[in-house]
C-alpha atoms as a PDB file:
ATOM      1  CA  MET A   1      70.095 113.258  91.362  1.00  0.00           C
ATOM      2  CA  PRO A   2      72.344 110.037  91.235  1.00  0.00           C
ATOM      3  CA  ASP A   3      74.885 108.939  88.337  1.00  0.00           C
ATOM      4  CA  ASN A   4      73.345 105.629  88.256  1.00  0.00           C
ATOM      5  CA  ARG A   5      75.794 104.966  84.581  1.00  0.00           C
ATOM      6  CA  PRO A   6      77.480 101.664  85.279  1.00  0.00           C
ATOM      7  CA  VAL A   7      81.226 102.105  85.517  1.00  0.00           C
ATOM      8  CA  THR A   8      82.812 101.070  82.840  1.00  0.00           C
ATOM      9  CA  ALA A   9      85.049  98.503  83.784  1.00  0.00           C
ATOM     10  CA  ARG A  10      89.746  98.670  83.468  1.00  0.00           C
ATOM     11  CA  PHE A  11      91.971  96.843  82.145  1.00  0.00           C
ATOM     12  CA  TYR A  12      95.551  96.418  82.249  1.00  0.00           C
ATOM     13  CA  ALA A  13      96.827  94.952  78.934  1.00  0.00           C
ATOM     14  CA  PRO A  14     100.669  95.360  78.509  1.00  0.00           C
ATOM     15  CA  ASP A  15      99.750  94.593  74.365  1.00  0.00           C
ATOM     16  CA  ALA A  16      97.325  97.487  74.136  1.00  0.00           C
ATOM     17  CA  GLN A  17      99.067 100.090  72.340  1.00  0.00           C
ATOM     18  CA  HIS A  18      97.455 101.020  68.364  1.00  0.00           C
ATOM     19  CA  VAL A  19      93.687 101.810  67.948  1.00  0.00           C
ATOM     20  CA  ASP A  20      91.754  99.001  65.818  1.00  0.00           C
ATOM     21  CA  ASP A  21      94.795  95.919  67.348  1.00  0.00           C
ATOM     22  CA  VAL A  22      93.015  92.981  68.359  1.00  0.00           C
ATOM     23  CA  ILE A  23      94.667  92.129  71.852  1.00  0.00           C
ATOM     24  CA  GLN A  24      95.262  89.166  73.754  1.00  0.00           C
ATOM     25  CA  LEU A  25      94.436  90.461  77.929  1.00  0.00           C
ATOM     26  CA  PRO A  26      96.785  88.276  80.661  1.00  0.00           C
ATOM     27  CA  SER A  27      95.485  85.449  81.581  1.00  0.00           C
ATOM     28  CA  GLU A  28      94.455  87.166  85.217  1.00  0.00           C
ATOM     29  CA  GLU A  29      92.967  89.760  83.905  1.00  0.00           C
ATOM     30  CA  ALA A  30      90.966  87.419  80.995  1.00  0.00           C
ATOM     31  CA  GLU A  31      89.529  85.194  84.245  1.00  0.00           C
ATOM     32  CA  HIS A  32      88.614  88.417  85.415  1.00  0.00           C
ATOM     33  CA  LEU A  33      86.501  90.039  83.128  1.00  0.00           C
ATOM     34  CA  ALA A  34      84.958  86.633  82.082  1.00  0.00           C
ATOM     35  CA  ARG A  35      84.356  84.532  85.447  1.00  0.00           C
ATOM     36  CA  VAL A  36      83.996  87.325  87.807  1.00  0.00           C
ATOM     37  CA  LEU A  37      82.529  90.006  86.243  1.00  0.00           C
ATOM     38  CA  ARG A  38      81.192  87.812  83.313  1.00  0.00           C
ATOM     39  CA  LEU A  39      81.189  89.865  80.162  1.00  0.00           C
ATOM     40  CA  LYS A  40      80.504  88.620  76.477  1.00  0.00           C
ATOM     41  CA  SER A  41      81.368  89.575  73.048  1.00  0.00           C
ATOM     42  CA  GLY A  42      80.606  92.981  72.039  1.00  0.00           C
ATOM     43  CA  ALA A  43      81.356  94.381  75.378  1.00  0.00           C
ATOM     44  CA  ALA A  44      82.488  98.046  76.221  1.00  0.00           C
ATOM     45  CA  ILE A  45      85.990  98.292  78.976  1.00  0.00           C
ATOM     46  CA  ARG A  46      88.776 100.275  78.989  1.00  0.00           C
ATOM     47  CA  VAL A  47      92.068  98.978  78.805  1.00  0.00           C
ATOM     48  CA  PHE A  48      95.484 100.217  79.854  1.00  0.00           C
ATOM     49  CA  ASN A  49      99.284  99.543  78.935  1.00  0.00           C
ATOM     50  CA  GLY A  50     100.857  99.939  81.840  1.00  0.00           C
ATOM     51  CA  ARG A  51     102.861 102.446  80.374  1.00  0.00           C
ATOM     52  CA  GLY A  52     101.225 105.052  80.264  1.00  0.00           C
ATOM     53  CA  ASN A  53      98.407 105.059  77.942  1.00  0.00           C
ATOM     54  CA  GLU A  54      94.791 104.455  77.593  1.00  0.00           C
ATOM     55  CA  PHE A  55      91.868 103.095  75.516  1.00  0.00           C
ATOM     56  CA  GLU A  56      88.236 101.884  74.710  1.00  0.00           C
ATOM     57  CA  GLY A  57      88.369  98.657  74.041  1.00  0.00           C
ATOM     58  CA  VAL A  58      85.189  96.279  72.830  1.00  0.00           C
ATOM     59  CA  VAL A  59      85.332  92.382  73.576  1.00  0.00           C
ATOM     60  CA  GLU A  60      85.689  90.311  70.605  1.00  0.00           C
ATOM     61  CA  SER A  61      85.693  87.038  72.291  1.00  0.00           C
ATOM     62  CA  VAL A  62      85.669  85.047  74.883  1.00  0.00           C
ATOM     63  CA  THR A  63      86.784  81.217  74.646  1.00  0.00           C
ATOM     64  CA  GLY A  64      88.352  79.069  76.675  1.00  0.00           C
ATOM     65  CA  GLY A  65      90.195  80.890  79.110  1.00  0.00           C
ATOM     66  CA  ARG A  66      91.143  83.426  76.397  1.00  0.00           C
ATOM     67  CA  VAL A  67      90.159  87.053  75.849  1.00  0.00           C
ATOM     68  CA  ALA A  68      90.703  88.869  72.783  1.00  0.00           C
ATOM     69  CA  VAL A  69      89.874  92.435  72.797  1.00  0.00           C
ATOM     70  CA  ARG A  70      90.038  95.369  69.928  1.00  0.00           C
ATOM     71  CA  VAL A  71      91.896  98.691  71.296  1.00  0.00           C
ATOM     72  CA  GLY A  72      89.574 101.381  70.530  1.00  0.00           C
ATOM     73  CA  THR A  73      89.929 104.852  71.033  1.00  0.00           C
ATOM     74  CA  ALA A  74      92.897 106.564  72.963  1.00  0.00           C
ATOM     75  CA  ARG A  75      91.399 108.140  76.105  1.00  0.00           C
ATOM     76  CA  ALA A  76      93.416 110.804  78.278  1.00  0.00           C
ATOM     77  CA  ALA A  77      95.339 109.455  80.820  1.00  0.00           C
ATOM     78  CA  VAL A  78      95.006 110.315  84.770  1.00  0.00           C
ATOM     79  CA  SER A  79      98.297 113.081  85.151  1.00  0.00           C
ATOM     80  CA  GLU A  80     100.955 111.410  86.782  1.00  0.00           C
ATOM     81  CA  PRO A  81     102.630 113.819  89.240  1.00  0.00           C
ATOM     82  CA  ARG A  82     105.206 116.253  88.365  1.00  0.00           C
ATOM     83  CA  VAL A  83     108.079 114.957  90.951  1.00  0.00           C
ATOM     84  CA  ALA A  84     108.652 110.868  89.949  1.00  0.00           C
ATOM     85  CA  VAL A  85     109.829 109.504  93.163  1.00  0.00           C
ATOM     86  CA  THR A  86     111.193 106.437  93.711  1.00  0.00           C
ATOM     87  CA  LEU A  87     110.208 104.277  97.247  1.00  0.00           C
ATOM     88  CA  ALA A  88     112.937 102.351  98.843  1.00  0.00           C
ATOM     89  CA  GLN A  89     111.358 100.963 101.381  1.00  0.00           C
ATOM     90  CA  ALA A  90     112.027  98.715 104.004  1.00  0.00           C
ATOM     91  CA  VAL A  91     110.568  95.076 103.793  1.00  0.00           C
ATOM     92  CA  LEU A  92     107.548  94.922 106.419  1.00  0.00           C
ATOM     93  CA  LYS A  93     107.264  91.617 108.212  1.00  0.00           C
ATOM     94  CA  GLY A  94     103.888  89.452 107.237  1.00  0.00           C
ATOM     95  CA  ASP A  95     102.191  90.889 104.778  1.00  0.00           C
ATOM     96  CA  LYS A  96     102.474  94.558 105.752  1.00  0.00           C
ATOM     97  CA  MET A  97     104.658  95.159 102.124  1.00  0.00           C
ATOM     98  CA  ASP A  98     101.332  94.129 100.320  1.00  0.00           C
ATOM     99  CA  ASP A  99      99.529  97.466 102.044  1.00  0.00           C
ATOM    100  CA  VAL A 100     102.800  99.517 101.171  1.00  0.00           C
ATOM    101  CA  VAL A 101     102.745  98.228  97.514  1.00  0.00           C
ATOM    102  CA  ARG A 102      98.756  98.875  96.974  1.00  0.00           C
ATOM    103  CA  ASP A 103      98.877 102.337  98.995  1.00  0.00           C
ATOM    104  CA  ALA A 104     102.201 103.487  97.202  1.00  0.00           C
ATOM    105  CA  VAL A 105     100.781 102.761  93.915  1.00  0.00           C
ATOM    106  CA  MET A 106      97.786 104.756  94.858  1.00  0.00           C
ATOM    107  CA  MET A 107      99.442 107.768  95.779  1.00  0.00           C
ATOM    108  CA  GLY A 108     101.460 108.002  92.336  1.00  0.00           C
ATOM    109  CA  VAL A 109     104.784 106.495  92.775  1.00  0.00           C
ATOM    110  CA  ALA A 110     107.500 105.955  90.012  1.00  0.00           C
ATOM    111  CA  ALA A 111     108.836 102.970  91.232  1.00  0.00           C
ATOM    112  CA  ILE A 112     109.595 100.414  94.166  1.00  0.00           C
ATOM    113  CA  GLN A 113     112.249  99.230  95.226  1.00  0.00           C
ATOM    114  CA  PRO A 114     111.996  97.116  98.743  1.00  0.00           C
ATOM    115  CA  VAL A 115     115.155  96.829 101.295  1.00  0.00           C
ATOM    116  CA  VAL A 116     115.991  94.532 103.376  1.00  0.00           C
ATOM    117  CA  THR A 117     118.248  96.311 106.249  1.00  0.00           C
ATOM    118  CA  ALA A 118     120.003  95.206 109.491  1.00  0.00           C
ATOM    119  CA  ARG A 119     116.330  94.647 111.092  1.00  0.00           C
ATOM    120  CA  SER A 120     114.302  92.968 108.556  1.00  0.00           C
ATOM    121  CA  GLU A 121     112.811  89.571 110.187  1.00  0.00           C
ATOM    122  CA  VAL A 122     113.488  88.592 106.337  1.00  0.00           C
ATOM    123  CA  ALA A 123     116.082  87.233 104.321  1.00  0.00           C
ATOM    124  CA  LEU A 124     116.668  88.311 100.475  1.00  0.00           C
ATOM    125  CA  ALA A 125     117.005  84.031  99.605  1.00  0.00           C
ATOM    126  CA  THR A 126     113.016  84.380 101.330  1.00  0.00           C
ATOM    127  CA  LEU A 127     111.673  86.672  99.651  1.00  0.00           C
ATOM    128  CA  GLU A 128     113.298  84.923  96.318  1.00  0.00           C
ATOM    129  CA  ARG A 129     111.966  81.892  97.118  1.00  0.00           C
ATOM    130  CA  GLY A 130     108.424  83.274  97.837  1.00  0.00           C
ATOM    131  CA  ARG A 131     108.654  85.112  95.003  1.00  0.00           C
ATOM    132  CA  ARG A 132     107.063  87.789  96.779  1.00  0.00           C
ATOM    133  CA  ARG A 133     108.407  90.187  93.547  1.00  0.00           C
ATOM    134  CA  ASP A 134     106.183  88.666  91.479  1.00  0.00           C
ATOM    135  CA  ARG A 135     103.395  89.182  94.035  1.00  0.00           C
ATOM    136  CA  TRP A 136     104.251  92.963  94.935  1.00  0.00           C
ATOM    137  CA  GLN A 137     103.792  93.733  90.957  1.00  0.00           C
ATOM    138  CA  ARG A 138     100.282  92.612  90.717  1.00  0.00           C
ATOM    139  CA  ILE A 139      99.462  94.135  93.421  1.00  0.00           C
ATOM    140  CA  ALA A 140     100.991  97.089  92.251  1.00  0.00           C
ATOM    141  CA  ILE A 141      98.589  96.210  88.536  1.00  0.00           C
ATOM    142  CA  SER A 142      96.065  95.031  91.005  1.00  0.00           C
ATOM    143  CA  SER A 143      96.303  99.313  92.538  1.00  0.00           C
ATOM    144  CA  ALA A 144      96.915 101.321  89.395  1.00  0.00           C
ATOM    145  CA  LYS A 145      93.807  99.134  87.796  1.00  0.00           C
ATOM    146  CA  GLN A 146      91.496 100.552  91.027  1.00  0.00           C
ATOM    147  CA  CYS A 147      92.749 104.097  91.118  1.00  0.00           C
ATOM    148  CA  GLY A 148      92.766 104.500  87.662  1.00  0.00           C
ATOM    149  CA  ARG A 149      96.562 105.404  86.121  1.00  0.00           C
ATOM    150  CA  ALA A 150      97.381 104.576  83.015  1.00  0.00           C
ATOM    151  CA  MET A 151     100.952 103.817  84.533  1.00  0.00           C
ATOM    152  CA  VAL A 152     102.284 101.100  86.612  1.00  0.00           C
ATOM    153  CA  PRO A 153     105.480 101.559  88.441  1.00  0.00           C
ATOM    154  CA  GLN A 154     107.588  99.049  88.235  1.00  0.00           C
ATOM    155  CA  VAL A 155     108.579  96.495  91.459  1.00  0.00           C
ATOM    156  CA  LEU A 156     112.509  96.481  91.722  1.00  0.00           C
ATOM    157  CA  ALA A 157     114.537  93.253  92.576  1.00  0.00           C
ATOM    158  CA  PRO A 158     114.777  93.441  96.785  1.00  0.00           C
ATOM    159  CA  CYS A 159     118.504  94.128  97.652  1.00  0.00           C
ATOM    160  CA  ALA A 160     119.946  94.667 100.983  1.00  0.00           C
ATOM    161  CA  PHE A 161     120.783  98.259 102.384  1.00  0.00           C
ATOM    162  CA  PRO A 162     124.407  98.308 101.468  1.00  0.00           C
ATOM    163  CA  ASP A 163     123.123  98.387  97.958  1.00  0.00           C
ATOM    164  CA  ILE A 164     120.705 101.024  97.747  1.00  0.00           C
ATOM    165  CA  ALA A 165     123.841 103.280 100.030  1.00  0.00           C
ATOM    166  CA  ALA A 166     126.137 101.911  96.670  1.00  0.00           C
ATOM    167  CA  ALA A 167     123.361 103.231  94.075  1.00  0.00           C
ATOM    168  CA  LEU A 168     122.634 106.358  95.692  1.00  0.00           C
ATOM    169  CA  ALA A 169     126.849 107.209  95.689  1.00  0.00           C
ATOM    170  CA  GLN A 170     126.432 106.664  92.289  1.00  0.00           C
ATOM    171  CA  LEU A 171     123.590 108.132  91.247  1.00  0.00           C
ATOM    172  CA  THR A 172     122.518 105.145  89.868  1.00  0.00           C
ATOM    173  CA  LEU A 173     118.609 105.656  91.922  1.00  0.00           C
ATOM    174  CA  PRO A 174     117.251 108.822  91.177  1.00  0.00           C
ATOM    175  CA  GLY A 175     117.909 111.926  93.702  1.00  0.00           C
ATOM    176  CA  PRO A 176     118.172 113.959  95.310  1.00  0.00           C
ATOM    177  CA  ALA A 177     117.466 111.305  98.096  1.00  0.00           C
ATOM    178  CA  LEU A 178     115.288 111.724 101.334  1.00  0.00           C
ATOM    179  CA  MET A 179     116.004 109.408 103.875  1.00  0.00           C
ATOM    180  CA  LEU A 180     113.118 109.138 107.216  1.00  0.00           C
ATOM    181  CA  VAL A 181     114.380 108.872 110.406  1.00  0.00           C
ATOM    182  CA  GLU A 182     113.108 109.693 114.279  1.00  0.00           C
ATOM    183  CA  PRO A 183     113.844 113.892 115.098  1.00  0.00           C
ATOM    184  CA  SER A 184     116.683 111.920 117.579  1.00  0.00           C
ATOM    185  CA  ALA A 185     118.279 110.142 114.976  1.00  0.00           C
ATOM    186  CA  SER A 186     121.062 113.288 113.771  1.00  0.00           C
ATOM    187  CA  ALA A 187     121.409 117.280 114.809  1.00  0.00           C
ATOM    188  CA  GLU A 188     121.087 117.198 111.095  1.00  0.00           C
ATOM    189  CA  THR A 189     117.704 116.646 110.606  1.00  0.00           C
ATOM    190  CA  ALA A 190     115.272 118.824 108.127  1.00  0.00           C
ATOM    191  CA  THR A 191     110.957 118.478 108.116  1.00  0.00           C
ATOM    192  CA  LEU A 192     109.680 118.740 105.341  1.00  0.00           C
ATOM    193  CA  GLY A 193     109.116 122.273 105.509  1.00  0.00           C
ATOM    194  CA  ASP A 194     112.849 122.728 104.769  1.00  0.00           C
ATOM    195  CA  LEU A 195     112.570 120.801 101.786  1.00  0.00           C
ATOM    196  CA  PRO A 196     112.280 122.352  98.080  1.00  0.00           C
ATOM    197  CA  ALA A 197     110.102 120.167  95.115  1.00  0.00           C
ATOM    198  CA  PRO A 198     113.316 118.099  93.422  1.00  0.00           C
ATOM    199  CA  SER A 199     113.213 119.313  89.565  1.00  0.00           C
ATOM    200  CA  ARG A 200     112.374 116.003  88.341  1.00  0.00           C
ATOM    201  CA  GLU A 201     112.615 112.805  89.900  1.00  0.00           C
ATOM    202  CA  THR A 202     113.766 111.569  93.511  1.00  0.00           C
ATOM    203  CA  THR A 203     113.981 108.493  95.987  1.00  0.00           C
ATOM    204  CA  LEU A 204     112.485 108.033  99.468  1.00  0.00           C
ATOM    205  CA  LEU A 205     113.772 105.235 101.729  1.00  0.00           C
ATOM    206  CA  ILE A 206     112.177 104.290 104.584  1.00  0.00           C
ATOM    207  CA  GLY A 207     112.994 101.945 107.140  1.00  0.00           C
ATOM    208  CA  PRO A 208     111.428  98.903 108.838  1.00  0.00           C
ATOM    209  CA  GLU A 209     109.134  98.252 112.047  1.00  0.00           C
ATOM    210  CA  GLY A 210     112.475  98.371 114.360  1.00  0.00           C
ATOM    211  CA  GLY A 211     113.856 101.378 112.281  1.00  0.00           C
ATOM    212  CA  TRP A 212     117.313 102.131 111.044  1.00  0.00           C
ATOM    213  CA  THR A 213     120.289 101.145 112.736  1.00  0.00           C
ATOM    214  CA  ALA A 214     123.143 104.030 113.844  1.00  0.00           C
ATOM    215  CA  GLU A 215     125.563 102.632 110.770  1.00  0.00           C
ATOM    216  CA  GLU A 216     122.458 102.475 108.016  1.00  0.00           C
ATOM    217  CA  ILE A 217     121.739 106.298 108.943  1.00  0.00           C
ATOM    218  CA  ASP A 218     125.766 107.277 108.823  1.00  0.00           C
ATOM    219  CA  ARG A 219     125.581 105.565 105.211  1.00  0.00           C
ATOM    220  CA  GLY A 220     121.944 107.252 104.402  1.00  0.00           C
ATOM    221  CA  ALA A 221     123.792 110.307 105.312  1.00  0.00           C
ATOM    222  CA  ALA A 222     126.258 110.056 102.834  1.00  0.00           C
ATOM    223  CA  SER A 223     124.183 110.463  99.868  1.00  0.00           C
ATOM    224  CA  ALA A 224     120.390 111.196 100.839  1.00  0.00           C
ATOM    225  CA  ARG A 225     118.933 114.073 103.202  1.00  0.00           C
ATOM    226  CA  LEU A 226     117.660 113.026 106.567  1.00  0.00           C
ATOM    227  CA  VAL A 227     114.375 114.378 107.135  1.00  0.00           C
ATOM    228  CA  THR A 228     112.037 113.712 109.684  1.00  0.00           C
ATOM    229  CA  LEU A 229     107.877 113.976 110.096  1.00  0.00           C
ATOM    230  CA  GLY A 230     107.850 115.008 113.378  1.00  0.00           C
ATOM    231  CA  ALA A 231     107.568 113.977 116.902  1.00  0.00           C
ATOM    232  CA  ARG A 232     104.516 111.568 116.287  1.00  0.00           C
ATOM    233  CA  THR A 233     105.035 107.363 116.398  1.00  0.00           C
ATOM    234  CA  ILE A 234     103.920 106.203 113.106  1.00  0.00           C
ATOM    235  CA  ARG A 235     103.402 102.139 112.319  1.00  0.00           C
ATOM    236  CA  ALA A 236     106.121 101.595 110.014  1.00  0.00           C
ATOM    237  CA  ASP A 237     103.179 100.321 107.736  1.00  0.00           C
ATOM    238  CA  ALA A 238     101.598 103.506 107.234  1.00  0.00           C
ATOM    239  CA  MET A 239     104.506 105.641 106.851  1.00  0.00           C
ATOM    240  CA  ALA A 240     105.060 105.399 102.781  1.00  0.00           C
ATOM    241  CA  LEU A 241     101.456 106.720 102.824  1.00  0.00           C
ATOM    242  CA  VAL A 242     102.337 109.514 105.201  1.00  0.00           C
ATOM    243  CA  ALA A 243     105.149 110.452 104.046  1.00  0.00           C
ATOM    244  CA  LEU A 244     104.043 110.637 100.695  1.00  0.00           C
ATOM    245  CA  ALA A 245     100.919 112.616 101.568  1.00  0.00           C
ATOM    246  CA  ALA A 246     102.648 114.787 102.797  1.00  0.00           C
ATOM    247  CA  LEU A 247     105.661 115.510 100.329  1.00  0.00           C
ATOM    248  CA  PHE A 248     102.650 115.489  97.629  1.00  0.00           C
ATOM    249  CA  ALA A 249     100.625 118.312  99.827  1.00  0.00           C
ATOM    250  CA  THR A 250     104.250 120.504 100.126  1.00  0.00           C
ATOM    251  CA  TRP A 251     105.306 119.727  96.473  1.00  0.00           C
ATOM    252  CA  ARG A 252     101.439 120.858  95.474  1.00  0.00           C
ATOM    253  CA  GLU A 253     101.104 118.060  93.778  1.00  0.00           C
ATOM    254  CA  PHE A 254      96.785 117.499  94.931  1.00  0.00           C
END
């Protein structure tokens, strides 16, 4: 027989920390609860704080666009991958980066670092004016809600590729790092099957639609392992999803 029990709605509540606290939902979450789902006082929900904690909850009040929730019993959160992956993704044109962020959060990345490369079709100043980082962080929250994660990966401030290369060299980004390149890019490339699982964390670098320049590959190779996904040509907006799935399968995360 099919299970026809209603699914309990989940909401992002960064202030949820202690059982029996009464907290306010963020405005976007409150609007979703009140205007979209039309939940009322007394409704049973679940809340997660984006830092790995999830709780049962009960709506205390819905007034004037504000929603108060009483935090209930802690729940076991969905487990996170053993290897924490920071995705350093070259910013793609149009809205393609939105899909990359959504899929990367669904797959289990620990953080997302947008990167402007030589062949990116957008400048850092444009990203800042358009408040794209804020948009991507909202998408990360939405994706965590949908896939059941209690962790919300942080979307870091976009930066230029030379800054990423310097950060890897100075060990201020998680390593050992992996840089995805085309098979013809270098004689020093490895396949995924050649790679042992990192002990705790890594950074995965993925390039833009036009690929990395030779100079970027040289700079990346100084502090990252160059790896390929074989001879197939994969769209830039699909590469993160494919690479993460392949890596996690290779590392027995699934």
